[in-house]
Amino acid sequence: MTLVVVLIVLNVPVYLFLAWVVFDTAGDAADTFWDTIVTLLKMIFIPPWLRMMMGMEESEALGVFPIAAFFIGCAAITFGEWWLLDKYVMGT
């Protein structure tokens, strides 16, 4: 369990890079890397009905598929690293 927590913490830059790759398309590119992260967090934590009440543009909504792909990718990265470390380094 401790190994998984360490991997998650150490992989934060990798997760941010993955978010940039998944959510920063050429047509909808954000001005900065930080804008991409903020947009991702908005779309995850602000429900659609609240976005409409706040007057946010619907073009900012990324949809469920990219967000799910991001989380699946993060989990796959962490699992793959854990499996490699467990099999080849820990030797169990």
C-alpha atoms as a PDB file:
ATOM      1  CA  MET A   1       0.000   0.000   0.000  1.00  0.00           C
ATOM      2  CA  THR A   2       2.831   2.362   0.846  1.00  0.00           C
ATOM      3  CA  LEU A   3       4.403   1.714  -2.557  1.00  0.00           C
ATOM      4  CA  VAL A   4       1.174   2.695  -4.324  1.00  0.00           C
ATOM      5  CA  VAL A   5       0.927   5.960  -2.370  1.00  0.00           C
ATOM      6  CA  VAL A   6       4.570   6.786  -3.166  1.00  0.00           C
ATOM      7  CA  LEU A   7       3.977   6.038  -6.851  1.00  0.00           C
ATOM      8  CA  ILE A   8       0.902   8.270  -6.927  1.00  0.00           C
ATOM      9  CA  VAL A   9       2.771  11.169  -5.327  1.00  0.00           C
ATOM     10  CA  LEU A  10       5.832  10.768  -7.545  1.00  0.00           C
ATOM     11  CA  ASN A  11       3.679  10.506 -10.672  1.00  0.00           C
ATOM     12  CA  VAL A  12       1.910  13.850 -10.249  1.00  0.00           C
ATOM     13  CA  PRO A  13       4.041  15.452 -13.022  1.00  0.00           C
ATOM     14  CA  VAL A  14       3.247  12.483 -15.280  1.00  0.00           C
ATOM     15  CA  TYR A  15      -0.468  12.866 -14.544  1.00  0.00           C
ATOM     16  CA  LEU A  16      -0.287  16.575 -15.353  1.00  0.00           C
ATOM     17  CA  PHE A  17       1.466  15.793 -18.628  1.00  0.00           C
ATOM     18  CA  LEU A  18      -1.221  13.215 -19.439  1.00  0.00           C
ATOM     19  CA  ALA A  19      -3.914  15.818 -18.709  1.00  0.00           C
ATOM     20  CA  TRP A  20      -2.179  18.223 -21.052  1.00  0.00           C
ATOM     21  CA  VAL A  21      -2.047  15.582 -23.801  1.00  0.00           C
ATOM     22  CA  VAL A  22      -5.665  14.461 -23.365  1.00  0.00           C
ATOM     23  CA  PHE A  23      -7.363  17.835 -22.867  1.00  0.00           C
ATOM     24  CA  ASP A  24      -5.248  20.326 -24.792  1.00  0.00           C
ATOM     25  CA  THR A  25      -6.310  19.759 -28.388  1.00  0.00           C
ATOM     26  CA  ALA A  26      -4.959  21.909 -31.216  1.00  0.00           C
ATOM     27  CA  GLY A  27      -8.266  23.703 -31.823  1.00  0.00           C
ATOM     28  CA  ASP A  28      -9.076  24.258 -28.153  1.00  0.00           C
ATOM     29  CA  ALA A  29      -5.568  24.791 -26.822  1.00  0.00           C
ATOM     30  CA  ALA A  30      -5.386  26.650 -23.534  1.00  0.00           C
ATOM     31  CA  ASP A  31      -3.000  29.546 -23.120  1.00  0.00           C
ATOM     32  CA  THR A  32      -0.906  27.799 -20.495  1.00  0.00           C
ATOM     33  CA  PHE A  33      -0.445  24.373 -18.999  1.00  0.00           C
ATOM     34  CA  TRP A  34      -2.051  25.635 -15.785  1.00  0.00           C
ATOM     35  CA  ASP A  35      -5.193  26.671 -17.704  1.00  0.00           C
ATOM     36  CA  THR A  36      -5.548  23.089 -18.882  1.00  0.00           C
ATOM     37  CA  ILE A  37      -5.374  21.785 -15.318  1.00  0.00           C
ATOM     38  CA  VAL A  38      -7.890  24.369 -14.069  1.00  0.00           C
ATOM     39  CA  THR A  39     -10.290  23.514 -16.906  1.00  0.00           C
ATOM     40  CA  LEU A  40      -9.987  19.822 -16.098  1.00  0.00           C
ATOM     41  CA  LEU A  41     -10.771  20.419 -12.427  1.00  0.00           C
ATOM     42  CA  LYS A  42     -13.737  22.637 -13.310  1.00  0.00           C
ATOM     43  CA  MET A  43     -15.224  19.997 -15.577  1.00  0.00           C
ATOM     44  CA  ILE A  44     -14.757  17.254 -12.996  1.00  0.00           C
ATOM     45  CA  PHE A  45     -16.094  19.058  -9.943  1.00  0.00           C
ATOM     46  CA  ILE A  46     -18.690  21.499 -11.342  1.00  0.00           C
ATOM     47  CA  PRO A  47     -21.869  19.744 -12.531  1.00  0.00           C
ATOM     48  CA  PRO A  48     -23.391  20.803 -15.886  1.00  0.00           C
ATOM     49  CA  TRP A  49     -26.466  22.453 -14.347  1.00  0.00           C
ATOM     50  CA  LEU A  50     -24.236  24.645 -12.138  1.00  0.00           C
ATOM     51  CA  ARG A  51     -22.049  25.562 -15.133  1.00  0.00           C
ATOM     52  CA  MET A  52     -25.177  26.736 -16.961  1.00  0.00           C
ATOM     53  CA  MET A  53     -26.327  28.799 -13.959  1.00  0.00           C
ATOM     54  CA  MET A  54     -22.867  30.381 -13.672  1.00  0.00           C
ATOM     55  CA  GLY A  55     -22.917  31.294 -17.364  1.00  0.00           C
ATOM     56  CA  MET A  56     -19.910  29.198 -18.309  1.00  0.00           C
ATOM     57  CA  GLU A  57     -19.563  28.443 -21.993  1.00  0.00           C
ATOM     58  CA  GLU A  58     -20.686  24.996 -22.979  1.00  0.00           C
ATOM     59  CA  SER A  59     -17.652  24.739 -25.277  1.00  0.00           C
ATOM     60  CA  GLU A  60     -15.533  24.418 -22.140  1.00  0.00           C
ATOM     61  CA  ALA A  61     -17.301  21.162 -21.261  1.00  0.00           C
ATOM     62  CA  LEU A  62     -14.997  18.329 -22.181  1.00  0.00           C
ATOM     63  CA  GLY A  63     -17.433  15.473 -21.861  1.00  0.00           C
ATOM     64  CA  VAL A  64     -17.251  12.233 -19.961  1.00  0.00           C
ATOM     65  CA  PHE A  65     -15.028  10.282 -22.359  1.00  0.00           C
ATOM     66  CA  PRO A  66     -11.848  12.407 -22.077  1.00  0.00           C
ATOM     67  CA  ILE A  67     -12.195  12.601 -18.296  1.00  0.00           C
ATOM     68  CA  ALA A  68     -12.697   8.842 -18.044  1.00  0.00           C
ATOM     69  CA  ALA A  69      -9.740   8.276 -20.374  1.00  0.00           C
ATOM     70  CA  PHE A  70      -7.618  10.514 -18.166  1.00  0.00           C
ATOM     71  CA  PHE A  71      -8.465   8.596 -14.984  1.00  0.00           C
ATOM     72  CA  ILE A  72      -8.041   5.217 -16.681  1.00  0.00           C
ATOM     73  CA  GLY A  73      -4.679   6.367 -18.024  1.00  0.00           C
ATOM     74  CA  CYS A  74      -3.533   7.524 -14.583  1.00  0.00           C
ATOM     75  CA  ALA A  75      -4.600   4.214 -13.045  1.00  0.00           C
ATOM     76  CA  ALA A  76      -2.881   2.251 -15.811  1.00  0.00           C
ATOM     77  CA  ILE A  77       0.365   4.159 -15.339  1.00  0.00           C
ATOM     78  CA  THR A  78       0.339   3.579 -11.591  1.00  0.00           C
ATOM     79  CA  PHE A  79      -0.615  -0.106 -11.922  1.00  0.00           C
ATOM     80  CA  GLY A  80       2.045  -0.712 -14.572  1.00  0.00           C
ATOM     81  CA  GLU A  81       4.770   0.839 -12.460  1.00  0.00           C
ATOM     82  CA  TRP A  82       3.617  -1.069  -9.387  1.00  0.00           C
ATOM     83  CA  TRP A  83       3.565  -4.357 -11.311  1.00  0.00           C
ATOM     84  CA  LEU A  84       7.052  -3.795 -12.735  1.00  0.00           C
ATOM     85  CA  LEU A  85       8.482  -2.877  -9.343  1.00  0.00           C
ATOM     86  CA  ASP A  86       6.742  -5.783  -7.628  1.00  0.00           C
ATOM     87  CA  LYS A  87       7.849  -8.326 -10.221  1.00  0.00           C
ATOM     88  CA  TYR A  88      11.410  -7.254 -10.989  1.00  0.00           C
ATOM     89  CA  VAL A  89      12.631  -5.161  -8.045  1.00  0.00           C
ATOM     90  CA  MET A  90      10.839  -6.637  -5.054  1.00  0.00           C
ATOM     91  CA  GLY A  91      11.056 -10.158  -6.466  1.00  0.00           C
ATOM     92  CA  THR A  92       7.781 -11.417  -5.028  1.00  0.00           C
END
